[in-house]
């Protein structure tokens, strides 16, 4: 794989957007309370977690996912037909 074809700014933007949207998704504004209730967590359970560690791992996994997607899509034969086929098979 040729890493020179990857747009690293787009990878960083994708990782940040995934991180922000995930944080919003699991916040009390949207589905955080329902997620905690469905998994049997309480506010006290979440207070014992290291937030820096949790957010650090979350961002790292978002970055890995974004790099993987960029590598998957940066091939020379990638076009709209290829993308539709890959999306349809997924």
PDB file of N, CA and C in Angstrom:
ATOM      1  N   UNK A   1       0.847  -1.180   0.000  1.00  0.00           N
ATOM      2  CA  UNK A   1       0.000   0.000   0.000  1.00  0.00           C
ATOM      3  C   UNK A   1       0.884   1.232   0.000  1.00  0.00           C
ATOM      4  N   UNK A   2       0.552   2.145  -0.864  1.00  0.00           N
ATOM      5  CA  UNK A   2       1.290   3.395  -0.992  1.00  0.00           C
ATOM      6  C   UNK A   2       0.659   4.437  -0.071  1.00  0.00           C
ATOM      7  N   UNK A   3       1.373   4.792   0.990  1.00  0.00           N
ATOM      8  CA  UNK A   3       0.836   5.739   1.961  1.00  0.00           C
ATOM      9  C   UNK A   3       0.861   7.178   1.458  1.00  0.00           C
ATOM     10  N   UNK A   4       1.526   7.424   0.331  1.00  0.00           N
ATOM     11  CA  UNK A   4       1.579   8.793  -0.182  1.00  0.00           C
ATOM     12  C   UNK A   4       0.256   9.219  -0.819  1.00  0.00           C
ATOM     13  N   UNK A   5      -0.631   8.280  -1.101  1.00  0.00           N
ATOM     14  CA  UNK A   5      -1.916   8.627  -1.717  1.00  0.00           C
ATOM     15  C   UNK A   5      -2.988   8.964  -0.687  1.00  0.00           C
ATOM     16  N   UNK A   6      -2.669   8.799   0.580  1.00  0.00           N
ATOM     17  CA  UNK A   6      -3.656   9.055   1.634  1.00  0.00           C
ATOM     18  C   UNK A   6      -3.680  10.543   1.965  1.00  0.00           C
ATOM     19  N   UNK A   7      -4.862  11.098   2.055  1.00  0.00           N
ATOM     20  CA  UNK A   7      -5.055  12.490   2.444  1.00  0.00           C
ATOM     21  C   UNK A   7      -5.133  12.527   3.973  1.00  0.00           C
ATOM     22  N   UNK A   8      -4.021  12.885   4.611  1.00  0.00           N
ATOM     23  CA  UNK A   8      -3.953  12.825   6.071  1.00  0.00           C
ATOM     24  C   UNK A   8      -4.821  13.882   6.740  1.00  0.00           C
ATOM     25  N   UNK A   9      -5.049  15.001   6.080  1.00  0.00           N
ATOM     26  CA  UNK A   9      -5.974  15.998   6.624  1.00  0.00           C
ATOM     27  C   UNK A   9      -7.389  15.421   6.681  1.00  0.00           C
ATOM     28  N   UNK A  10      -7.791  14.707   5.640  1.00  0.00           N
ATOM     29  CA  UNK A  10      -9.116  14.078   5.622  1.00  0.00           C
ATOM     30  C   UNK A  10      -9.208  12.983   6.676  1.00  0.00           C
ATOM     31  N   UNK A  11      -8.118  12.244   6.878  1.00  0.00           N
ATOM     32  CA  UNK A  11      -8.099  11.202   7.909  1.00  0.00           C
ATOM     33  C   UNK A  11      -8.296  11.833   9.282  1.00  0.00           C
ATOM     34  N   UNK A  12      -7.586  12.917   9.562  1.00  0.00           N
ATOM     35  CA  UNK A  12      -7.728  13.596  10.845  1.00  0.00           C
ATOM     36  C   UNK A  12      -9.130  14.175  11.008  1.00  0.00           C
ATOM     37  N   UNK A  13      -9.672  14.766   9.950  1.00  0.00           N
ATOM     38  CA  UNK A  13     -11.033  15.316  10.008  1.00  0.00           C
ATOM     39  C   UNK A  13     -12.059  14.211  10.248  1.00  0.00           C
ATOM     40  N   UNK A  14     -11.875  13.064   9.607  1.00  0.00           N
ATOM     41  CA  UNK A  14     -12.801  11.944   9.807  1.00  0.00           C
ATOM     42  C   UNK A  14     -12.705  11.408  11.226  1.00  0.00           C
ATOM     43  N   UNK A  15     -11.492  11.301  11.753  1.00  0.00           N
ATOM     44  CA  UNK A  15     -11.321  10.809  13.123  1.00  0.00           C
ATOM     45  C   UNK A  15     -11.941  11.775  14.127  1.00  0.00           C
ATOM     46  N   UNK A  16     -11.718  13.064  13.924  1.00  0.00           N
ATOM     47  CA  UNK A  16     -12.305  14.058  14.832  1.00  0.00           C
ATOM     48  C   UNK A  16     -13.826  14.067  14.756  1.00  0.00           C
ATOM     49  N   UNK A  17     -14.363  13.970  13.544  1.00  0.00           N
ATOM     50  CA  UNK A  17     -15.823  13.984  13.420  1.00  0.00           C
ATOM     51  C   UNK A  17     -16.439  12.734  14.039  1.00  0.00           C
ATOM     52  N   UNK A  18     -15.797  11.592  13.877  1.00  0.00           N
ATOM     53  CA  UNK A  18     -16.289  10.365  14.507  1.00  0.00           C
ATOM     54  C   UNK A  18     -16.251  10.492  16.022  1.00  0.00           C
ATOM     55  N   UNK A  19     -15.169  11.057  16.535  1.00  0.00           N
ATOM     56  CA  UNK A  19     -15.008  11.247  17.970  1.00  0.00           C
ATOM     57  C   UNK A  19     -16.084  12.191  18.517  1.00  0.00           C
ATOM     58  N   UNK A  20     -16.310  13.302  17.822  1.00  0.00           N
ATOM     59  CA  UNK A  20     -17.309  14.286  18.271  1.00  0.00           C
ATOM     60  C   UNK A  20     -18.721  13.718  18.167  1.00  0.00           C
ATOM     61  N   UNK A  21     -19.044  13.087  17.041  1.00  0.00           N
ATOM     62  CA  UNK A  21     -20.385  12.516  16.881  1.00  0.00           C
ATOM     63  C   UNK A  21     -20.642  11.384  17.877  1.00  0.00           C
ATOM     64  N   UNK A  22     -19.620  10.581  18.155  1.00  0.00           N
ATOM     65  CA  UNK A  22     -19.767   9.528  19.161  1.00  0.00           C
ATOM     66  C   UNK A  22     -20.007  10.109  20.545  1.00  0.00           C
ATOM     67  N   UNK A  23     -19.282  11.179  20.863  1.00  0.00           N
ATOM     68  CA  UNK A  23     -19.490  11.839  22.148  1.00  0.00           C
ATOM     69  C   UNK A  23     -20.882  12.420  22.275  1.00  0.00           C
ATOM     70  N   UNK A  24     -21.374  12.998  21.201  1.00  0.00           N
ATOM     71  CA  UNK A  24     -22.729  13.545  21.201  1.00  0.00           C
ATOM     72  C   UNK A  24     -23.768  12.429  21.290  1.00  0.00           C
ATOM     73  N   UNK A  25     -23.541  11.348  20.568  1.00  0.00           N
ATOM     74  CA  UNK A  25     -24.477  10.223  20.536  1.00  0.00           C
ATOM     75  C   UNK A  25     -24.683   9.628  21.935  1.00  0.00           C
ATOM     76  N   UNK A  26     -23.585   9.462  22.683  1.00  0.00           N
ATOM     77  CA  UNK A  26     -23.668   8.857  24.008  1.00  0.00           C
ATOM     78  C   UNK A  26     -23.817   9.881  25.122  1.00  0.00           C
ATOM     79  N   UNK A  27     -24.076  11.128  24.782  1.00  0.00           N
ATOM     80  CA  UNK A  27     -24.285  12.156  25.795  1.00  0.00           C
ATOM     81  C   UNK A  27     -25.729  12.097  26.292  1.00  0.00           C
ATOM     82  N   UNK A  28     -25.993  12.711  27.440  1.00  0.00           N
ATOM     83  CA  UNK A  28     -27.379  12.765  27.925  1.00  0.00           C
ATOM     84  C   UNK A  28     -28.311  13.540  26.992  1.00  0.00           C
ATOM     85  N   UNK A  29     -27.753  14.360  26.104  1.00  0.00           N
ATOM     86  CA  UNK A  29     -28.587  15.090  25.142  1.00  0.00           C
ATOM     87  C   UNK A  29     -29.329  14.157  24.195  1.00  0.00           C
ATOM     88  N   UNK A  30     -28.693  13.057  23.804  1.00  0.00           N
ATOM     89  CA  UNK A  30     -29.317  12.152  22.844  1.00  0.00           C
ATOM     90  C   UNK A  30     -29.668  10.815  23.501  1.00  0.00           C
ATOM     91  N   UNK A  31     -28.748   9.866  23.489  1.00  0.00           N
ATOM     92  CA  UNK A  31     -29.095   8.506  23.900  1.00  0.00           C
ATOM     93  C   UNK A  31     -28.291   7.994  25.087  1.00  0.00           C
ATOM     94  N   UNK A  32     -27.577   8.869  25.779  1.00  0.00           N
ATOM     95  CA  UNK A  32     -26.731   8.445  26.893  1.00  0.00           C
ATOM     96  C   UNK A  32     -27.503   7.786  28.019  1.00  0.00           C
ATOM     97  N   UNK A  33     -28.603   8.376  28.411  1.00  0.00           N
ATOM     98  CA  UNK A  33     -29.403   7.805  29.516  1.00  0.00           C
ATOM     99  C   UNK A  33     -29.985   6.448  29.131  1.00  0.00           C
ATOM    100  N   UNK A  34     -30.504   6.334  27.917  1.00  0.00           N
ATOM    101  CA  UNK A  34     -31.064   5.055  27.461  1.00  0.00           C
ATOM    102  C   UNK A  34     -29.967   4.002  27.348  1.00  0.00           C
ATOM    103  N   UNK A  35     -28.782   4.397  26.881  1.00  0.00           N
ATOM    104  CA  UNK A  35     -27.661   3.461  26.764  1.00  0.00           C
ATOM    105  C   UNK A  35     -27.232   2.974  28.141  1.00  0.00           C
ATOM    106  N   UNK A  36     -27.156   3.893  29.118  1.00  0.00           N
ATOM    107  CA  UNK A  36     -26.775   3.507  30.480  1.00  0.00           C
ATOM    108  C   UNK A  36     -27.817   2.569  31.080  1.00  0.00           C
ATOM    109  N   UNK A  37     -29.070   2.870  30.886  1.00  0.00           N
ATOM    110  CA  UNK A  37     -30.146   2.037  31.424  1.00  0.00           C
ATOM    111  C   UNK A  37     -30.131   0.648  30.783  1.00  0.00           C
ATOM    112  N   UNK A  38     -29.939   0.575  29.470  1.00  0.00           N
ATOM    113  CA  UNK A  38     -29.940  -0.708  28.762  1.00  0.00           C
ATOM    114  C   UNK A  38     -28.756  -1.585  29.157  1.00  0.00           C
ATOM    115  N   UNK A  39     -27.637  -0.959  29.544  1.00  0.00           N
ATOM    116  CA  UNK A  39     -26.447  -1.718  29.920  1.00  0.00           C
ATOM    117  C   UNK A  39     -26.289  -1.872  31.426  1.00  0.00           C
ATOM    118  N   UNK A  40     -27.222  -1.329  32.184  1.00  0.00           N
ATOM    119  CA  UNK A  40     -27.192  -1.481  33.627  1.00  0.00           C
ATOM    120  C   UNK A  40     -26.142  -0.626  34.320  1.00  0.00           C
ATOM    121  N   UNK A  41     -25.762   0.494  33.715  1.00  0.00           N
ATOM    122  CA  UNK A  41     -24.787   1.394  34.318  1.00  0.00           C
ATOM    123  C   UNK A  41     -25.500   2.483  35.097  1.00  0.00           C
ATOM    124  N   UNK A  42     -24.808   2.994  36.107  1.00  0.00           N
ATOM    125  CA  UNK A  42     -25.312   4.149  36.841  1.00  0.00           C
ATOM    126  C   UNK A  42     -24.303   5.285  36.691  1.00  0.00           C
ATOM    127  N   UNK A  43     -24.692   6.471  37.138  1.00  0.00           N
ATOM    128  CA  UNK A  43     -23.766   7.601  37.083  1.00  0.00           C
ATOM    129  C   UNK A  43     -22.528   7.330  37.927  1.00  0.00           C
ATOM    130  N   UNK A  44     -22.707   6.626  39.045  1.00  0.00           N
ATOM    131  CA  UNK A  44     -21.573   6.301  39.911  1.00  0.00           C
ATOM    132  C   UNK A  44     -20.590   5.365  39.210  1.00  0.00           C
ATOM    133  N   UNK A  45     -21.104   4.443  38.406  1.00  0.00           N
ATOM    134  CA  UNK A  45     -20.219   3.535  37.663  1.00  0.00           C
ATOM    135  C   UNK A  45     -19.331   4.307  36.699  1.00  0.00           C
ATOM    136  N   UNK A  46     -19.896   5.300  36.041  1.00  0.00           N
ATOM    137  CA  UNK A  46     -19.134   6.060  35.060  1.00  0.00           C
ATOM    138  C   UNK A  46     -18.149   7.024  35.710  1.00  0.00           C
ATOM    139  N   UNK A  47     -18.400   7.412  36.951  1.00  0.00           N
ATOM    140  CA  UNK A  47     -17.485   8.317  37.649  1.00  0.00           C
ATOM    141  C   UNK A  47     -16.177   7.633  38.005  1.00  0.00           C
ATOM    142  N   UNK A  48     -16.189   6.307  38.120  1.00  0.00           N
ATOM    143  CA  UNK A  48     -14.971   5.583  38.493  1.00  0.00           C
ATOM    144  C   UNK A  48     -14.019   5.406  37.312  1.00  0.00           C
ATOM    145  N   UNK A  49     -14.485   5.641  36.089  1.00  0.00           N
ATOM    146  CA  UNK A  49     -13.646   5.474  34.904  1.00  0.00           C
ATOM    147  C   UNK A  49     -12.729   6.675  34.703  1.00  0.00           C
ATOM    148  N   UNK A  50     -11.559   6.429  34.166  1.00  0.00           N
ATOM    149  CA  UNK A  50     -10.635   7.502  33.811  1.00  0.00           C
ATOM    150  C   UNK A  50     -11.081   8.106  32.482  1.00  0.00           C
ATOM    151  N   UNK A  51     -11.525   9.348  32.527  1.00  0.00           N
ATOM    152  CA  UNK A  51     -12.042   9.983  31.315  1.00  0.00           C
ATOM    153  C   UNK A  51     -10.937  10.205  30.281  1.00  0.00           C
ATOM    154  N   UNK A  52      -9.740  10.550  30.726  1.00  0.00           N
ATOM    155  CA  UNK A  52      -8.634  10.755  29.785  1.00  0.00           C
ATOM    156  C   UNK A  52      -8.307   9.456  29.058  1.00  0.00           C
ATOM    157  N   UNK A  53      -8.292   8.367  29.780  1.00  0.00           N
ATOM    158  CA  UNK A  53      -8.007   7.065  29.168  1.00  0.00           C
ATOM    159  C   UNK A  53      -9.130   6.666  28.205  1.00  0.00           C
ATOM    160  N   UNK A  54     -10.369   6.847  28.629  1.00  0.00           N
ATOM    161  CA  UNK A  54     -11.514   6.476  27.804  1.00  0.00           C
ATOM    162  C   UNK A  54     -11.554   7.306  26.511  1.00  0.00           C
ATOM    163  N   UNK A  55     -11.366   8.620  26.611  1.00  0.00           N
ATOM    164  CA  UNK A  55     -11.387   9.471  25.423  1.00  0.00           C
ATOM    165  C   UNK A  55     -10.159   9.239  24.551  1.00  0.00           C
ATOM    166  N   UNK A  56      -9.024   8.954  25.179  1.00  0.00           N
ATOM    167  CA  UNK A  56      -7.814   8.664  24.414  1.00  0.00           C
ATOM    168  C   UNK A  56      -7.965   7.418  23.563  1.00  0.00           C
ATOM    169  N   UNK A  57      -8.470   6.346  24.151  1.00  0.00           N
ATOM    170  CA  UNK A  57      -8.701   5.107  23.393  1.00  0.00           C
ATOM    171  C   UNK A  57      -9.751   5.322  22.308  1.00  0.00           C
ATOM    172  N   UNK A  58     -10.784   6.063  22.640  1.00  0.00           N
ATOM    173  CA  UNK A  58     -11.837   6.326  21.662  1.00  0.00           C
ATOM    174  C   UNK A  58     -11.282   7.074  20.452  1.00  0.00           C
ATOM    175  N   UNK A  59     -10.465   8.099  20.691  1.00  0.00           N
ATOM    176  CA  UNK A  59      -9.890   8.840  19.572  1.00  0.00           C
ATOM    177  C   UNK A  59      -8.901   7.981  18.791  1.00  0.00           C
ATOM    178  N   UNK A  60      -8.114   7.171  19.482  1.00  0.00           N
ATOM    179  CA  UNK A  60      -7.164   6.296  18.796  1.00  0.00           C
ATOM    180  C   UNK A  60      -7.888   5.323  17.870  1.00  0.00           C
ATOM    181  N   UNK A  61      -8.965   4.719  18.351  1.00  0.00           N
ATOM    182  CA  UNK A  61      -9.726   3.792  17.513  1.00  0.00           C
ATOM    183  C   UNK A  61     -10.402   4.516  16.348  1.00  0.00           C
ATOM    184  N   UNK A  62     -10.849   5.740  16.560  1.00  0.00           N
ATOM    185  CA  UNK A  62     -11.413   6.536  15.464  1.00  0.00           C
ATOM    186  C   UNK A  62     -10.347   6.828  14.416  1.00  0.00           C
ATOM    187  N   UNK A  63      -9.138   7.107  14.864  1.00  0.00           N
ATOM    188  CA  UNK A  63      -8.036   7.375  13.944  1.00  0.00           C
ATOM    189  C   UNK A  63      -7.664   6.126  13.151  1.00  0.00           C
ATOM    190  N   UNK A  64      -7.592   4.984  13.823  1.00  0.00           N
ATOM    191  CA  UNK A  64      -7.288   3.722  13.138  1.00  0.00           C
ATOM    192  C   UNK A  64      -8.364   3.410  12.100  1.00  0.00           C
ATOM    193  N   UNK A  65      -9.615   3.599  12.473  1.00  0.00           N
ATOM    194  CA  UNK A  65     -10.713   3.343  11.546  1.00  0.00           C
ATOM    195  C   UNK A  65     -10.637   4.277  10.331  1.00  0.00           C
ATOM    196  N   UNK A  66     -10.302   5.539  10.552  1.00  0.00           N
ATOM    197  CA  UNK A  66     -10.208   6.502   9.455  1.00  0.00           C
ATOM    198  C   UNK A  66      -9.043   6.185   8.522  1.00  0.00           C
ATOM    199  N   UNK A  67      -7.904   5.793   9.072  1.00  0.00           N
ATOM    200  CA  UNK A  67      -6.759   5.415   8.235  1.00  0.00           C
ATOM    201  C   UNK A  67      -7.094   4.173   7.424  1.00  0.00           C
ATOM    202  N   UNK A  68      -7.739   3.210   8.058  1.00  0.00           N
ATOM    203  CA  UNK A  68      -8.122   1.981   7.360  1.00  0.00           C
ATOM    204  C   UNK A  68      -9.071   2.290   6.203  1.00  0.00           C
ATOM    205  N   UNK A  69     -10.046   3.130   6.435  1.00  0.00           N
ATOM    206  CA  UNK A  69     -10.981   3.501   5.374  1.00  0.00           C
ATOM    207  C   UNK A  69     -10.274   4.262   4.251  1.00  0.00           C
ATOM    208  N   UNK A  70      -9.345   5.147   4.613  1.00  0.00           N
ATOM    209  CA  UNK A  70      -8.594   5.890   3.595  1.00  0.00           C
ATOM    210  C   UNK A  70      -7.736   4.953   2.755  1.00  0.00           C
ATOM    211  N   UNK A  71      -7.128   3.958   3.384  1.00  0.00           N
ATOM    212  CA  UNK A  71      -6.326   2.988   2.635  1.00  0.00           C
ATOM    213  C   UNK A  71      -7.215   2.161   1.714  1.00  0.00           C
ATOM    214  N   UNK A  72      -8.391   1.832   2.167  1.00  0.00           N
ATOM    215  CA  UNK A  72      -9.332   1.040   1.379  1.00  0.00           C
ATOM    216  C   UNK A  72      -9.816   1.808   0.155  1.00  0.00           C
ATOM    217  N   UNK A  73      -9.981   3.117   0.311  1.00  0.00           N
ATOM    218  CA  UNK A  73     -10.549   3.930  -0.766  1.00  0.00           C
ATOM    219  C   UNK A  73      -9.517   4.629  -1.644  1.00  0.00           C
ATOM    220  N   UNK A  74      -8.225   4.502  -1.336  1.00  0.00           N
ATOM    221  CA  UNK A  74      -7.232   5.282  -2.072  1.00  0.00           C
ATOM    222  C   UNK A  74      -6.581   4.522  -3.223  1.00  0.00           C
ATOM    223  N   UNK A  75      -7.115   3.397  -3.601  1.00  0.00           N
ATOM    224  CA  UNK A  75      -6.537   2.627  -4.700  1.00  0.00           C
ATOM    225  C   UNK A  75      -6.734   3.304  -6.045  1.00  0.00           C
ATOM    226  N   UNK A  76      -5.886   2.980  -7.011  1.00  0.00           N
ATOM    227  CA  UNK A  76      -5.996   3.622  -8.327  1.00  0.00           C
ATOM    228  C   UNK A  76      -7.235   3.188  -9.110  1.00  0.00           C
ATOM    229  N   UNK A  77      -7.826   2.064  -8.762  1.00  0.00           N
ATOM    230  CA  UNK A  77      -9.007   1.585  -9.492  1.00  0.00           C
ATOM    231  C   UNK A  77     -10.312   1.989  -8.827  1.00  0.00           C
ATOM    232  N   UNK A  78     -10.233   2.803  -7.789  1.00  0.00           N
ATOM    233  CA  UNK A  78     -11.435   3.210  -7.072  1.00  0.00           C
ATOM    234  C   UNK A  78     -12.219   4.225  -7.901  1.00  0.00           C
ATOM    235  N   UNK A  79     -13.463   3.897  -8.180  1.00  0.00           N
ATOM    236  CA  UNK A  79     -14.366   4.819  -8.869  1.00  0.00           C
ATOM    237  C   UNK A  79     -15.762   4.626  -8.286  1.00  0.00           C
ATOM    238  N   UNK A  80     -16.742   5.269  -8.845  1.00  0.00           N
ATOM    239  CA  UNK A  80     -18.088   5.213  -8.274  1.00  0.00           C
ATOM    240  C   UNK A  80     -18.697   3.817  -8.362  1.00  0.00           C
ATOM    241  N   UNK A  81     -18.413   3.094  -9.426  1.00  0.00           N
ATOM    242  CA  UNK A  81     -18.942   1.733  -9.563  1.00  0.00           C
ATOM    243  C   UNK A  81     -18.330   0.826  -8.501  1.00  0.00           C
ATOM    244  N   UNK A  82     -17.022   0.964  -8.311  1.00  0.00           N
ATOM    245  CA  UNK A  82     -16.335   0.179  -7.287  1.00  0.00           C
ATOM    246  C   UNK A  82     -16.908   0.498  -5.901  1.00  0.00           C
ATOM    247  N   UNK A  83     -17.133   1.776  -5.625  1.00  0.00           N
ATOM    248  CA  UNK A  83     -17.689   2.186  -4.341  1.00  0.00           C
ATOM    249  C   UNK A  83     -19.093   1.662  -4.120  1.00  0.00           C
ATOM    250  N   UNK A  84     -19.910   1.677  -5.175  1.00  0.00           N
ATOM    251  CA  UNK A  84     -21.275   1.149  -5.053  1.00  0.00           C
ATOM    252  C   UNK A  84     -21.247  -0.359  -4.822  1.00  0.00           C
ATOM    253  N   UNK A  85     -20.341  -1.057  -5.477  1.00  0.00           N
ATOM    254  CA  UNK A  85     -20.229  -2.504  -5.280  1.00  0.00           C
ATOM    255  C   UNK A  85     -19.758  -2.822  -3.867  1.00  0.00           C
ATOM    256  N   UNK A  86     -18.759  -2.093  -3.381  1.00  0.00           N
ATOM    257  CA  UNK A  86     -18.264  -2.320  -2.019  1.00  0.00           C
ATOM    258  C   UNK A  86     -19.346  -2.001  -0.991  1.00  0.00           C
ATOM    259  N   UNK A  87     -20.076  -0.917  -1.203  1.00  0.00           N
ATOM    260  CA  UNK A  87     -21.170  -0.568  -0.293  1.00  0.00           C
ATOM    261  C   UNK A  87     -22.297  -1.575  -0.333  1.00  0.00           C
ATOM    262  N   UNK A  88     -22.601  -2.086  -1.521  1.00  0.00           N
ATOM    263  CA  UNK A  88     -23.657  -3.093  -1.644  1.00  0.00           C
ATOM    264  C   UNK A  88     -23.276  -4.412  -0.996  1.00  0.00           C
ATOM    265  N   UNK A  89     -22.000  -4.773  -1.067  1.00  0.00           N
ATOM    266  CA  UNK A  89     -21.548  -6.016  -0.447  1.00  0.00           C
ATOM    267  C   UNK A  89     -21.426  -5.898   1.067  1.00  0.00           C
ATOM    268  N   UNK A  90     -21.253  -4.677   1.549  1.00  0.00           N
ATOM    269  CA  UNK A  90     -21.128  -4.482   2.993  1.00  0.00           C
ATOM    270  C   UNK A  90     -22.483  -4.673   3.622  1.00  0.00           C
TER     271      UNK A  90
END
